[in-house]
Amino acid sequence: EAHLSFGGTQGVYTHTSSAVSGEMELSVYVPPQADTLNTGEKLPVLFYLSGLTCTQENVTGKGGFQQTAAELGLIIVCPDTSPRCTGYAGEDDDYDFGSGAGFYLNATESPWSETYKMYDYIVDELPALIAENFPIDTDRMGVFGHSMGGHGALTIGLRNPDLFKSISAFSPIVAPSLVPWGQKAFTGYLGKNTDAWAEYDATALMKVGHRSAAEILIDQGTADPFLAEHLQPELFAEACVKANQPLQVRMQAGYDHSYFFISSFMADHLQHHAKTLMSG
């Protein structure tokens, strides 16, 4: 489907993914500047990674990014959160594991290792696919996300700083190895070897030398019901201080974990990315 939005086009697409061996759905917003590009000109792009239980539809319909993306000239890509309909036993039993809960990693435990390769999908397959079909500048890419997707944005951005030049997150799971959401997912997807977990843990990555050249932005609501048990942004903040990683953590008084929170600060995040991707 496709809809005119703030002079640009909000589209929804499907494709067959080699990374996850199945059909994936995603949305792509193309701002009005794409209609007036000169030959060879391309636009910066942001990849938004959604949280537990979500599909592309949540942020596309509720995130409120289209107006600011149109003003700034940003292409916004919103993929799904996991493979779908794999037929694995237990795939749909829990909200925090299986369908809608891919955790942006490459699973190594059977049967998940056959298709749950969301890290490869986001890092390798999706940018190439988008570049083939839309006027994106692959030298000006950023990544951001919410909750589980904030975890994905931080880990993918830190591990691939030459690919993703800017990073931000809403209420991210910053230390999944230490909290129940992450421990459940990592055990199921990666097994009990915690050394393997560290590759998908933003706080652990920061401690061993992974960096972003640009300042990272995190927004976190103080009324988030998951803050103390699952999110704990102070752990990542402490690691960034020790590593001299530029970081801004904004504790937003009274905000929760919902898209009411995300949409309230979405424009700030797009402007944060544009400052880096459009500099020079």
C-alpha atoms as a PDB file:
ATOM      1  CA  GLU A   1       0.000   0.000   0.000  1.00  0.00           C
ATOM      2  CA  ALA A   2       1.025   3.631  -0.437  1.00  0.00           C
ATOM      3  CA  HIS A   3      -0.281   6.893   1.009  1.00  0.00           C
ATOM      4  CA  LEU A   4       0.576  10.541   0.433  1.00  0.00           C
ATOM      5  CA  SER A   5       1.870  11.990   3.721  1.00  0.00           C
ATOM      6  CA  PHE A   6       3.265  15.506   4.185  1.00  0.00           C
ATOM      7  CA  GLY A   7       4.094  15.617   0.496  1.00  0.00           C
ATOM      8  CA  GLY A   8       6.006  12.334   0.612  1.00  0.00           C
ATOM      9  CA  THR A   9       5.003   8.704   0.220  1.00  0.00           C
ATOM     10  CA  GLN A  10       4.386   6.303   3.079  1.00  0.00           C
ATOM     11  CA  GLY A  11       4.614   2.836   1.580  1.00  0.00           C
ATOM     12  CA  VAL A  12       4.308  -0.692   2.938  1.00  0.00           C
ATOM     13  CA  TYR A  13       6.104  -3.503   1.127  1.00  0.00           C
ATOM     14  CA  THR A  14       6.873  -7.204   1.338  1.00  0.00           C
ATOM     15  CA  HIS A  15       9.881  -9.109   0.055  1.00  0.00           C
ATOM     16  CA  THR A  16      11.403 -12.540   0.317  1.00  0.00           C
ATOM     17  CA  SER A  17      14.356 -12.403   2.681  1.00  0.00           C
ATOM     18  CA  SER A  18      17.353 -14.667   2.233  1.00  0.00           C
ATOM     19  CA  ALA A  19      18.570 -13.869   5.766  1.00  0.00           C
ATOM     20  CA  VAL A  20      15.446 -15.182   7.489  1.00  0.00           C
ATOM     21  CA  SER A  21      14.331 -17.523   4.684  1.00  0.00           C
ATOM     22  CA  GLY A  22      10.840 -16.106   4.394  1.00  0.00           C
ATOM     23  CA  GLU A  23       8.624 -13.158   3.578  1.00  0.00           C
ATOM     24  CA  MET A  24       9.169  -9.942   5.514  1.00  0.00           C
ATOM     25  CA  GLU A  25       7.030  -6.809   5.636  1.00  0.00           C
ATOM     26  CA  LEU A  26       8.405  -3.304   6.097  1.00  0.00           C
ATOM     27  CA  SER A  27       7.412   0.301   5.670  1.00  0.00           C
ATOM     28  CA  VAL A  28       9.412   3.004   3.905  1.00  0.00           C
ATOM     29  CA  TYR A  29       8.706   6.716   4.072  1.00  0.00           C
ATOM     30  CA  VAL A  30      10.148   8.712   1.171  1.00  0.00           C
ATOM     31  CA  PRO A  31      10.037  12.500   1.705  1.00  0.00           C
ATOM     32  CA  PRO A  32       9.032  14.986  -1.023  1.00  0.00           C
ATOM     33  CA  GLN A  33      12.676  15.947  -1.678  1.00  0.00           C
ATOM     34  CA  ALA A  34      13.051  12.653  -3.547  1.00  0.00           C
ATOM     35  CA  ASP A  35      10.944  14.084  -6.379  1.00  0.00           C
ATOM     36  CA  THR A  36      13.435  16.856  -7.110  1.00  0.00           C
ATOM     37  CA  LEU A  37      16.766  15.065  -6.781  1.00  0.00           C
ATOM     38  CA  ASN A  38      19.345  15.736  -9.446  1.00  0.00           C
ATOM     39  CA  THR A  39      21.111  12.845 -11.140  1.00  0.00           C
ATOM     40  CA  GLY A  40      23.299  11.056  -8.627  1.00  0.00           C
ATOM     41  CA  GLU A  41      21.815  12.802  -5.590  1.00  0.00           C
ATOM     42  CA  LYS A  42      20.597  10.649  -2.716  1.00  0.00           C
ATOM     43  CA  LEU A  43      18.999  11.158   0.688  1.00  0.00           C
ATOM     44  CA  PRO A  44      20.076  10.080   4.187  1.00  0.00           C
ATOM     45  CA  VAL A  45      18.174   7.150   5.686  1.00  0.00           C
ATOM     46  CA  LEU A  46      17.201   6.022   9.179  1.00  0.00           C
ATOM     47  CA  PHE A  47      16.351   2.449  10.136  1.00  0.00           C
ATOM     48  CA  TYR A  48      13.857   2.240  13.023  1.00  0.00           C
ATOM     49  CA  LEU A  49      13.827  -1.003  15.022  1.00  0.00           C
ATOM     50  CA  SER A  50      10.604  -1.736  16.880  1.00  0.00           C
ATOM     51  CA  GLY A  51      10.057  -3.389  20.245  1.00  0.00           C
ATOM     52  CA  LEU A  52       8.501  -6.572  21.575  1.00  0.00           C
ATOM     53  CA  THR A  53       5.189  -7.676  19.981  1.00  0.00           C
ATOM     54  CA  CYS A  54       5.427  -4.982  17.300  1.00  0.00           C
ATOM     55  CA  THR A  55       5.383  -5.098  13.520  1.00  0.00           C
ATOM     56  CA  GLN A  56       6.256  -2.225  11.189  1.00  0.00           C
ATOM     57  CA  GLU A  57       2.687  -0.995  11.575  1.00  0.00           C
ATOM     58  CA  ASN A  58       3.046   0.287  15.160  1.00  0.00           C
ATOM     59  CA  VAL A  59       5.613   2.985  14.496  1.00  0.00           C
ATOM     60  CA  THR A  60       4.367   3.717  10.977  1.00  0.00           C
ATOM     61  CA  GLY A  61       0.906   4.542  12.274  1.00  0.00           C
ATOM     62  CA  LYS A  62       1.689   5.874  15.751  1.00  0.00           C
ATOM     63  CA  GLY A  63       5.273   7.151  15.697  1.00  0.00           C
ATOM     64  CA  GLY A  64       4.531  10.489  14.058  1.00  0.00           C
ATOM     65  CA  PHE A  65       7.802  10.661  12.139  1.00  0.00           C
ATOM     66  CA  GLN A  66       6.436  11.615   8.720  1.00  0.00           C
ATOM     67  CA  GLN A  67       6.135  15.385   9.161  1.00  0.00           C
ATOM     68  CA  THR A  68       9.644  15.895  10.522  1.00  0.00           C
ATOM     69  CA  ALA A  69      11.111  13.430   8.011  1.00  0.00           C
ATOM     70  CA  ALA A  70       9.475  15.464   5.244  1.00  0.00           C
ATOM     71  CA  GLU A  71      10.892  18.706   6.617  1.00  0.00           C
ATOM     72  CA  LEU A  72      14.410  17.283   6.978  1.00  0.00           C
ATOM     73  CA  GLY A  73      14.495  15.141   3.845  1.00  0.00           C
ATOM     74  CA  LEU A  74      14.998  11.792   5.583  1.00  0.00           C
ATOM     75  CA  ILE A  75      13.987   8.373   4.307  1.00  0.00           C
ATOM     76  CA  ILE A  76      12.662   6.226   7.182  1.00  0.00           C
ATOM     77  CA  VAL A  77      12.724   2.405   6.990  1.00  0.00           C
ATOM     78  CA  CYS A  78      10.758   0.355   9.533  1.00  0.00           C
ATOM     79  CA  PRO A  79      11.241  -3.430   9.351  1.00  0.00           C
ATOM     80  CA  ASP A  80       9.434  -6.180  11.244  1.00  0.00           C
ATOM     81  CA  THR A  81      10.782  -7.530  14.544  1.00  0.00           C
ATOM     82  CA  SER A  82      11.199 -11.242  13.693  1.00  0.00           C
ATOM     83  CA  PRO A  83      10.530 -13.892  11.087  1.00  0.00           C
ATOM     84  CA  ARG A  84       6.884 -14.968  10.956  1.00  0.00           C
ATOM     85  CA  CYS A  85       5.015 -18.259  10.633  1.00  0.00           C
ATOM     86  CA  THR A  86       8.066 -20.518  10.884  1.00  0.00           C
ATOM     87  CA  GLY A  87       6.131 -23.333  12.508  1.00  0.00           C
ATOM     88  CA  TYR A  88       8.571 -23.751  15.387  1.00  0.00           C
ATOM     89  CA  ALA A  89       7.059 -25.187  18.568  1.00  0.00           C
ATOM     90  CA  GLY A  90       6.414 -22.387  21.042  1.00  0.00           C
ATOM     91  CA  GLU A  91       6.922 -19.630  18.498  1.00  0.00           C
ATOM     92  CA  ASP A  92       3.722 -17.837  19.501  1.00  0.00           C
ATOM     93  CA  ASP A  93       3.514 -18.836  23.179  1.00  0.00           C
ATOM     94  CA  ASP A  94       5.195 -15.798  24.783  1.00  0.00           C
ATOM     95  CA  TYR A  95       5.219 -12.094  23.987  1.00  0.00           C
ATOM     96  CA  ASP A  96       8.926 -11.827  24.821  1.00  0.00           C
ATOM     97  CA  PHE A  97      10.290 -14.790  22.850  1.00  0.00           C
ATOM     98  CA  GLY A  98       9.630 -16.062  19.328  1.00  0.00           C
ATOM     99  CA  SER A  99       7.308 -14.129  17.009  1.00  0.00           C
ATOM    100  CA  GLY A 100       7.676 -10.389  17.469  1.00  0.00           C
ATOM    101  CA  ALA A 101      10.744 -10.882  19.648  1.00  0.00           C
ATOM    102  CA  GLY A 102      13.727 -11.505  17.395  1.00  0.00           C
ATOM    103  CA  PHE A 103      16.063  -9.332  19.533  1.00  0.00           C
ATOM    104  CA  TYR A 104      18.088  -8.322  16.449  1.00  0.00           C
ATOM    105  CA  LEU A 105      20.601 -11.149  16.831  1.00  0.00           C
ATOM    106  CA  ASN A 106      21.649 -14.254  14.901  1.00  0.00           C
ATOM    107  CA  ALA A 107      20.330 -17.254  16.814  1.00  0.00           C
ATOM    108  CA  THR A 108      22.651 -20.225  17.259  1.00  0.00           C
ATOM    109  CA  GLU A 109      20.274 -22.618  19.046  1.00  0.00           C
ATOM    110  CA  SER A 110      18.050 -25.019  17.097  1.00  0.00           C
ATOM    111  CA  PRO A 111      15.512 -24.528  15.604  1.00  0.00           C
ATOM    112  CA  TRP A 112      15.780 -20.733  15.842  1.00  0.00           C
ATOM    113  CA  SER A 113      19.164 -20.671  14.121  1.00  0.00           C
ATOM    114  CA  GLU A 114      17.514 -21.666  10.843  1.00  0.00           C
ATOM    115  CA  THR A 115      15.662 -18.371  10.387  1.00  0.00           C
ATOM    116  CA  TYR A 116      16.088 -16.036  13.363  1.00  0.00           C
ATOM    117  CA  LYS A 117      18.922 -14.024  11.855  1.00  0.00           C
ATOM    118  CA  MET A 118      17.677 -10.509  12.406  1.00  0.00           C
ATOM    119  CA  TYR A 119      21.188  -9.121  12.872  1.00  0.00           C
ATOM    120  CA  ASP A 120      22.176 -10.199   9.369  1.00  0.00           C
ATOM    121  CA  TYR A 121      18.847  -8.960   8.064  1.00  0.00           C
ATOM    122  CA  ILE A 122      19.281  -5.441   9.459  1.00  0.00           C
ATOM    123  CA  VAL A 123      23.023  -5.062   8.887  1.00  0.00           C
ATOM    124  CA  ASP A 124      23.538  -6.754   5.527  1.00  0.00           C
ATOM    125  CA  GLU A 125      20.343  -7.511   3.642  1.00  0.00           C
ATOM    126  CA  LEU A 126      18.053  -4.582   4.376  1.00  0.00           C
ATOM    127  CA  PRO A 127      20.397  -1.671   3.511  1.00  0.00           C
ATOM    128  CA  ALA A 128      21.276  -3.342   0.210  1.00  0.00           C
ATOM    129  CA  LEU A 129      17.609  -3.997  -0.577  1.00  0.00           C
ATOM    130  CA  ILE A 130      16.604  -0.419   0.200  1.00  0.00           C
ATOM    131  CA  ALA A 131      19.508   0.983  -1.830  1.00  0.00           C
ATOM    132  CA  GLU A 132      18.333  -1.005  -4.856  1.00  0.00           C
ATOM    133  CA  ASN A 133      14.835   0.426  -4.688  1.00  0.00           C
ATOM    134  CA  PHE A 134      15.049   3.889  -3.113  1.00  0.00           C
ATOM    135  CA  PRO A 135      17.420   6.881  -3.441  1.00  0.00           C
ATOM    136  CA  ILE A 136      19.336   6.372  -0.186  1.00  0.00           C
ATOM    137  CA  ASP A 137      22.873   7.497   0.496  1.00  0.00           C
ATOM    138  CA  THR A 138      24.535   4.457   2.047  1.00  0.00           C
ATOM    139  CA  ASP A 139      27.247   6.720   3.458  1.00  0.00           C
ATOM    140  CA  ARG A 140      24.597   8.564   5.488  1.00  0.00           C
ATOM    141  CA  MET A 141      22.697   5.916   7.441  1.00  0.00           C
ATOM    142  CA  GLY A 142      21.512   5.996  11.045  1.00  0.00           C
ATOM    143  CA  VAL A 143      19.734   3.527  13.316  1.00  0.00           C
ATOM    144  CA  PHE A 144      17.280   4.027  16.174  1.00  0.00           C
ATOM    145  CA  GLY A 145      14.584   2.079  17.952  1.00  0.00           C
ATOM    146  CA  HIS A 146      12.416   1.417  20.987  1.00  0.00           C
ATOM    147  CA  SER A 147      12.852  -1.018  23.892  1.00  0.00           C
ATOM    148  CA  MET A 148      13.999  -4.300  22.287  1.00  0.00           C
ATOM    149  CA  GLY A 149      14.556  -2.190  19.178  1.00  0.00           C
ATOM    150  CA  GLY A 150      16.546   0.322  21.211  1.00  0.00           C
ATOM    151  CA  HIS A 151      18.739  -2.601  22.240  1.00  0.00           C
ATOM    152  CA  GLY A 152      19.060  -3.505  18.569  1.00  0.00           C
ATOM    153  CA  ALA A 153      19.921   0.038  17.549  1.00  0.00           C
ATOM    154  CA  LEU A 154      22.620   0.383  20.196  1.00  0.00           C
ATOM    155  CA  THR A 155      24.267  -2.978  19.549  1.00  0.00           C
ATOM    156  CA  ILE A 156      24.053  -2.793  15.760  1.00  0.00           C
ATOM    157  CA  GLY A 157      25.212   0.814  15.709  1.00  0.00           C
ATOM    158  CA  LEU A 158      28.143   0.181  18.048  1.00  0.00           C
ATOM    159  CA  ARG A 159      29.265  -2.913  16.157  1.00  0.00           C
ATOM    160  CA  ASN A 160      28.973  -1.206  12.763  1.00  0.00           C
ATOM    161  CA  PRO A 161      30.019   2.432  13.233  1.00  0.00           C
ATOM    162  CA  ASP A 162      31.245   2.745   9.659  1.00  0.00           C
ATOM    163  CA  LEU A 163      27.810   1.689   8.402  1.00  0.00           C
ATOM    164  CA  PHE A 164      25.526   3.516  10.829  1.00  0.00           C
ATOM    165  CA  LYS A 165      26.877   6.981  11.542  1.00  0.00           C
ATOM    166  CA  SER A 166      24.241   8.000  14.102  1.00  0.00           C
ATOM    167  CA  ILE A 167      22.414   6.185  16.920  1.00  0.00           C
ATOM    168  CA  SER A 168      19.502   6.926  19.224  1.00  0.00           C
ATOM    169  CA  ALA A 169      17.004   4.968  21.300  1.00  0.00           C
ATOM    170  CA  PHE A 170      13.758   5.229  23.212  1.00  0.00           C
ATOM    171  CA  SER A 171      13.698   3.258  26.502  1.00  0.00           C
ATOM    172  CA  PRO A 172      16.286   0.700  25.317  1.00  0.00           C
ATOM    173  CA  ILE A 173      17.236  -2.584  26.963  1.00  0.00           C
ATOM    174  CA  VAL A 174      20.836  -1.501  27.502  1.00  0.00           C
ATOM    175  CA  ALA A 175      22.176  -4.539  29.380  1.00  0.00           C
ATOM    176  CA  PRO A 176      20.108  -7.550  28.252  1.00  0.00           C
ATOM    177  CA  SER A 177      22.565 -10.034  29.767  1.00  0.00           C
ATOM    178  CA  LEU A 178      21.616  -8.752  33.227  1.00  0.00           C
ATOM    179  CA  VAL A 179      17.814  -8.427  32.998  1.00  0.00           C
ATOM    180  CA  PRO A 180      14.947 -10.932  32.631  1.00  0.00           C
ATOM    181  CA  TRP A 181      13.860  -9.988  29.102  1.00  0.00           C
ATOM    182  CA  GLY A 182      17.373 -10.394  27.756  1.00  0.00           C
ATOM    183  CA  GLN A 183      18.294 -13.457  29.767  1.00  0.00           C
ATOM    184  CA  LYS A 184      15.219 -15.338  28.558  1.00  0.00           C
ATOM    185  CA  ALA A 185      15.799 -14.425  24.925  1.00  0.00           C
ATOM    186  CA  PHE A 186      19.550 -14.968  24.963  1.00  0.00           C
ATOM    187  CA  THR A 187      19.242 -18.382  26.605  1.00  0.00           C
ATOM    188  CA  GLY A 188      16.683 -19.478  24.041  1.00  0.00           C
ATOM    189  CA  TYR A 189      18.431 -18.069  20.990  1.00  0.00           C
ATOM    190  CA  LEU A 190      22.117 -18.251  21.949  1.00  0.00           C
ATOM    191  CA  GLY A 191      22.335 -20.947  24.627  1.00  0.00           C
ATOM    192  CA  LYS A 192      23.891 -20.705  28.067  1.00  0.00           C
ATOM    193  CA  ASN A 193      27.355 -19.494  27.028  1.00  0.00           C
ATOM    194  CA  THR A 194      27.257 -15.918  28.285  1.00  0.00           C
ATOM    195  CA  ASP A 195      30.345 -15.005  26.261  1.00  0.00           C
ATOM    196  CA  ALA A 196      28.129 -15.187  23.177  1.00  0.00           C
ATOM    197  CA  TRP A 197      25.605 -12.886  24.842  1.00  0.00           C
ATOM    198  CA  ALA A 198      28.144 -10.072  25.129  1.00  0.00           C
ATOM    199  CA  GLU A 199      28.121  -9.550  21.346  1.00  0.00           C
ATOM    200  CA  TYR A 200      24.506  -8.396  21.646  1.00  0.00           C
ATOM    201  CA  ASP A 201      24.756  -6.381  24.858  1.00  0.00           C
ATOM    202  CA  ALA A 202      25.325  -2.631  24.434  1.00  0.00           C
ATOM    203  CA  THR A 203      26.823  -2.134  27.879  1.00  0.00           C
ATOM    204  CA  ALA A 204      29.203  -5.064  27.415  1.00  0.00           C
ATOM    205  CA  LEU A 205      30.184  -3.793  23.956  1.00  0.00           C
ATOM    206  CA  MET A 206      30.954  -0.344  25.319  1.00  0.00           C
ATOM    207  CA  LYS A 207      33.197  -1.871  27.988  1.00  0.00           C
ATOM    208  CA  VAL A 208      35.346  -3.676  25.399  1.00  0.00           C
ATOM    209  CA  GLY A 209      35.932  -0.773  23.061  1.00  0.00           C
ATOM    210  CA  HIS A 210      32.991  -0.414  20.672  1.00  0.00           C
ATOM    211  CA  ARG A 211      32.204   3.234  20.012  1.00  0.00           C
ATOM    212  CA  SER A 212      30.145   5.677  17.980  1.00  0.00           C
ATOM    213  CA  ALA A 213      31.893   8.754  16.635  1.00  0.00           C
ATOM    214  CA  ALA A 214      28.721  10.773  17.180  1.00  0.00           C
ATOM    215  CA  GLU A 215      26.876  11.422  20.418  1.00  0.00           C
ATOM    216  CA  ILE A 216      24.248   8.799  21.260  1.00  0.00           C
ATOM    217  CA  LEU A 217      20.809  10.028  22.364  1.00  0.00           C
ATOM    218  CA  ILE A 218      18.565   8.049  24.740  1.00  0.00           C
ATOM    219  CA  ASP A 219      15.138   9.145  25.938  1.00  0.00           C
ATOM    220  CA  GLN A 220      13.617   7.269  28.893  1.00  0.00           C
ATOM    221  CA  GLY A 221      10.307   7.891  30.637  1.00  0.00           C
ATOM    222  CA  THR A 222      10.388   8.019  34.429  1.00  0.00           C
ATOM    223  CA  ALA A 223       6.919   6.404  34.646  1.00  0.00           C
ATOM    224  CA  ASP A 224       7.952   3.458  32.467  1.00  0.00           C
ATOM    225  CA  PRO A 225       6.764   0.297  34.259  1.00  0.00           C
ATOM    226  CA  PHE A 226       9.735  -1.648  32.873  1.00  0.00           C
ATOM    227  CA  LEU A 227      12.410   0.859  33.906  1.00  0.00           C
ATOM    228  CA  ALA A 228      13.792  -0.755  37.061  1.00  0.00           C
ATOM    229  CA  GLU A 229      13.527  -4.415  36.080  1.00  0.00           C
ATOM    230  CA  HIS A 230      14.352  -4.520  32.380  1.00  0.00           C
ATOM    231  CA  LEU A 231      15.849  -1.228  31.134  1.00  0.00           C
ATOM    232  CA  GLN A 232      18.297   0.290  33.658  1.00  0.00           C
ATOM    233  CA  PRO A 233      19.829   3.026  31.446  1.00  0.00           C
ATOM    234  CA  GLU A 234      22.254   3.969  34.212  1.00  0.00           C
ATOM    235  CA  LEU A 235      24.296   0.840  33.433  1.00  0.00           C
ATOM    236  CA  PHE A 236      24.994   2.008  29.889  1.00  0.00           C
ATOM    237  CA  ALA A 237      25.541   5.579  31.022  1.00  0.00           C
ATOM    238  CA  GLU A 238      28.204   4.463  33.498  1.00  0.00           C
ATOM    239  CA  ALA A 239      29.983   2.442  30.817  1.00  0.00           C
ATOM    240  CA  CYS A 240      29.904   5.416  28.431  1.00  0.00           C
ATOM    241  CA  VAL A 241      31.422   7.730  31.041  1.00  0.00           C
ATOM    242  CA  LYS A 242      34.314   5.328  31.574  1.00  0.00           C
ATOM    243  CA  ALA A 243      34.783   4.937  27.817  1.00  0.00           C
ATOM    244  CA  ASN A 244      34.529   8.669  27.012  1.00  0.00           C
ATOM    245  CA  GLN A 245      31.627   7.914  24.675  1.00  0.00           C
ATOM    246  CA  PRO A 246      29.475  11.020  24.101  1.00  0.00           C
ATOM    247  CA  LEU A 247      25.998  10.209  25.397  1.00  0.00           C
ATOM    248  CA  GLN A 248      22.891  12.168  26.289  1.00  0.00           C
ATOM    249  CA  VAL A 249      20.334  10.377  28.471  1.00  0.00           C
ATOM    250  CA  ARG A 250      17.157  12.369  28.986  1.00  0.00           C
ATOM    251  CA  MET A 251      14.872  11.140  31.769  1.00  0.00           C
ATOM    252  CA  GLN A 252      11.447  12.386  30.705  1.00  0.00           C
ATOM    253  CA  ALA A 253       9.272  12.996  33.757  1.00  0.00           C
ATOM    254  CA  GLY A 254       5.928  11.220  33.783  1.00  0.00           C
ATOM    255  CA  TYR A 255       6.276   9.437  30.430  1.00  0.00           C
ATOM    256  CA  ASP A 256       5.696   5.690  30.105  1.00  0.00           C
ATOM    257  CA  HIS A 257       6.735   2.992  27.594  1.00  0.00           C
ATOM    258  CA  SER A 258       4.065   3.662  24.976  1.00  0.00           C
ATOM    259  CA  TYR A 259       3.909   5.313  21.568  1.00  0.00           C
ATOM    260  CA  PHE A 260       2.471   8.388  23.272  1.00  0.00           C
ATOM    261  CA  PHE A 261       5.985   8.734  24.731  1.00  0.00           C
ATOM    262  CA  ILE A 262       7.778   7.881  21.500  1.00  0.00           C
ATOM    263  CA  SER A 263       5.756  10.276  19.354  1.00  0.00           C
ATOM    264  CA  SER A 264       6.335  13.082  21.870  1.00  0.00           C
ATOM    265  CA  PHE A 265      10.088  13.011  21.236  1.00  0.00           C
ATOM    266  CA  MET A 266      10.285  11.561  17.720  1.00  0.00           C
ATOM    267  CA  ALA A 267      11.095  14.937  16.140  1.00  0.00           C
ATOM    268  CA  ASP A 268      14.015  15.390  18.541  1.00  0.00           C
ATOM    269  CA  HIS A 269      15.442  12.043  17.476  1.00  0.00           C
ATOM    270  CA  LEU A 270      15.164  12.776  13.770  1.00  0.00           C
ATOM    271  CA  GLN A 271      16.868  16.118  14.310  1.00  0.00           C
ATOM    272  CA  HIS A 272      19.582  14.364  16.339  1.00  0.00           C
ATOM    273  CA  HIS A 273      20.318  12.064  13.398  1.00  0.00           C
ATOM    274  CA  ALA A 274      20.077  14.834  10.806  1.00  0.00           C
ATOM    275  CA  LYS A 275      22.690  16.870  12.690  1.00  0.00           C
ATOM    276  CA  THR A 276      25.223  14.077  12.088  1.00  0.00           C
ATOM    277  CA  LEU A 277      24.087  12.743   8.720  1.00  0.00           C
ATOM    278  CA  MET A 278      23.733  16.178   7.108  1.00  0.00           C
ATOM    279  CA  SER A 279      26.823  17.819   8.560  1.00  0.00           C
ATOM    280  CA  GLY A 280      29.387  18.962   6.052  1.00  0.00           C
END
